[in-house]
Protein backbone atom coordinates (compact mmCIF):
# COMPACT_ATOMS: atom_id res chain seq x y z
CA MET A 1 82.76 -5.87 -19.66
CA ALA A 2 80.28 -6.73 -16.66
CA ARG A 3 81.45 -9.90 -14.13
CA VAL A 4 84.67 -10.30 -15.91
CA CYS A 5 87.91 -10.23 -13.89
CA ALA A 6 90.16 -7.71 -15.58
CA ILE A 7 92.97 -9.54 -14.56
CA CYS A 8 92.53 -13.30 -15.82
CA GLY A 9 89.32 -12.69 -17.79
CA LYS A 10 87.21 -15.04 -15.61
CA GLY A 11 83.48 -14.78 -15.91
CA THR A 12 80.18 -16.35 -15.91
CA THR A 13 79.60 -19.66 -16.76
CA ALA A 14 76.44 -21.73 -17.55
CA GLY A 15 75.49 -25.13 -15.53
CA ARG A 16 72.56 -26.88 -14.38
CA LYS A 17 71.02 -27.58 -11.10
CA ILE A 18 69.90 -30.97 -10.41
CA ALA A 19 66.82 -31.53 -8.06
CA ARG A 20 66.66 -35.04 -6.28
CA ARG A 21 64.57 -36.82 -3.81
CA GLY A 22 64.69 -40.37 -2.10
CA ARG A 23 66.82 -41.98 0.29
CA ALA A 24 70.34 -43.37 -0.64
CA LYS A 25 71.03 -47.04 -1.36
CA ARG A 26 73.67 -47.38 1.39
CA LEU A 27 71.31 -45.61 4.27
CA GLY A 28 68.57 -48.61 3.50
CA GLY A 29 66.49 -46.43 0.78
CA VAL A 30 65.64 -47.15 -2.85
CA GLY A 31 68.04 -45.23 -4.29
CA ILE A 32 67.96 -41.25 -5.18
CA LYS A 33 65.95 -40.24 -8.18
CA THR A 34 66.19 -36.97 -10.35
CA THR A 35 63.01 -35.05 -10.45
CA GLY A 36 64.14 -32.05 -12.69
CA VAL A 37 67.34 -30.10 -13.84
CA SER A 38 66.99 -26.34 -14.11
CA LYS A 39 69.61 -23.89 -15.88
CA ARG A 40 71.64 -21.74 -13.40
CA THR A 41 74.68 -19.62 -13.70
CA PHE A 42 78.02 -19.60 -11.78
CA ARG A 43 79.47 -16.18 -10.96
CA PRO A 44 82.75 -15.44 -10.27
CA ASN A 45 83.31 -13.50 -6.70
CA LEU A 46 84.10 -10.24 -7.96
CA GLN A 47 85.80 -7.32 -5.70
CA LYS A 48 86.08 -3.96 -6.65
CA VAL A 49 89.45 -2.90 -5.49
CA ARG A 50 91.73 0.36 -5.81
CA VAL A 51 94.74 -1.05 -8.23
CA LEU A 52 97.74 0.72 -9.01
CA VAL A 53 97.98 0.63 -12.93
CA LYS A 54 101.02 2.06 -14.38
CA GLY A 55 101.82 3.96 -11.13
CA ALA A 56 98.11 5.53 -10.90
CA PRO A 57 95.45 3.98 -8.92
CA LYS A 58 92.26 2.80 -10.56
CA LYS A 59 89.16 0.73 -9.50
CA MET A 60 88.76 -2.75 -11.15
CA LEU A 61 86.89 -5.59 -10.70
CA VAL A 62 88.99 -8.23 -9.75
CA CYS A 63 88.44 -11.72 -8.78
CA THR A 64 89.32 -12.87 -5.25
CA LYS A 65 91.70 -15.63 -6.58
CA CYS A 66 93.86 -12.77 -8.02
CA ILE A 67 93.83 -10.95 -4.86
CA LYS A 68 94.77 -13.55 -2.74
CA ASN A 69 97.56 -14.89 -5.40
CA GLY A 70 99.01 -11.20 -5.45
CA LYS A 71 98.64 -10.62 -9.19
CA VAL A 72 97.36 -7.13 -8.05
CA THR A 73 99.09 -4.53 -6.03
CA LYS A 74 96.33 -2.46 -3.88
CA ALA A 75 96.59 1.35 -3.93
CA VAL A 76 96.66 2.95 -0.75
CA LYS A 77 94.17 5.53 0.11
């Protein structure tokens, strides 16, 4: 399972990137216009971490949010 957090299951999601041009009305322009919409992917910030699993170290892909929140215990070398 590539690009998926081993702890919370966070993975890649699809979305859109909107290209715009023009100047905002509040800045004296005629308004911002949409010139194109393209598909893109949002990928989680995954790190390969040595984690203790049942007392033994194991390498896992874990998102940074799980690392910051202390959901994993890092294995010491």
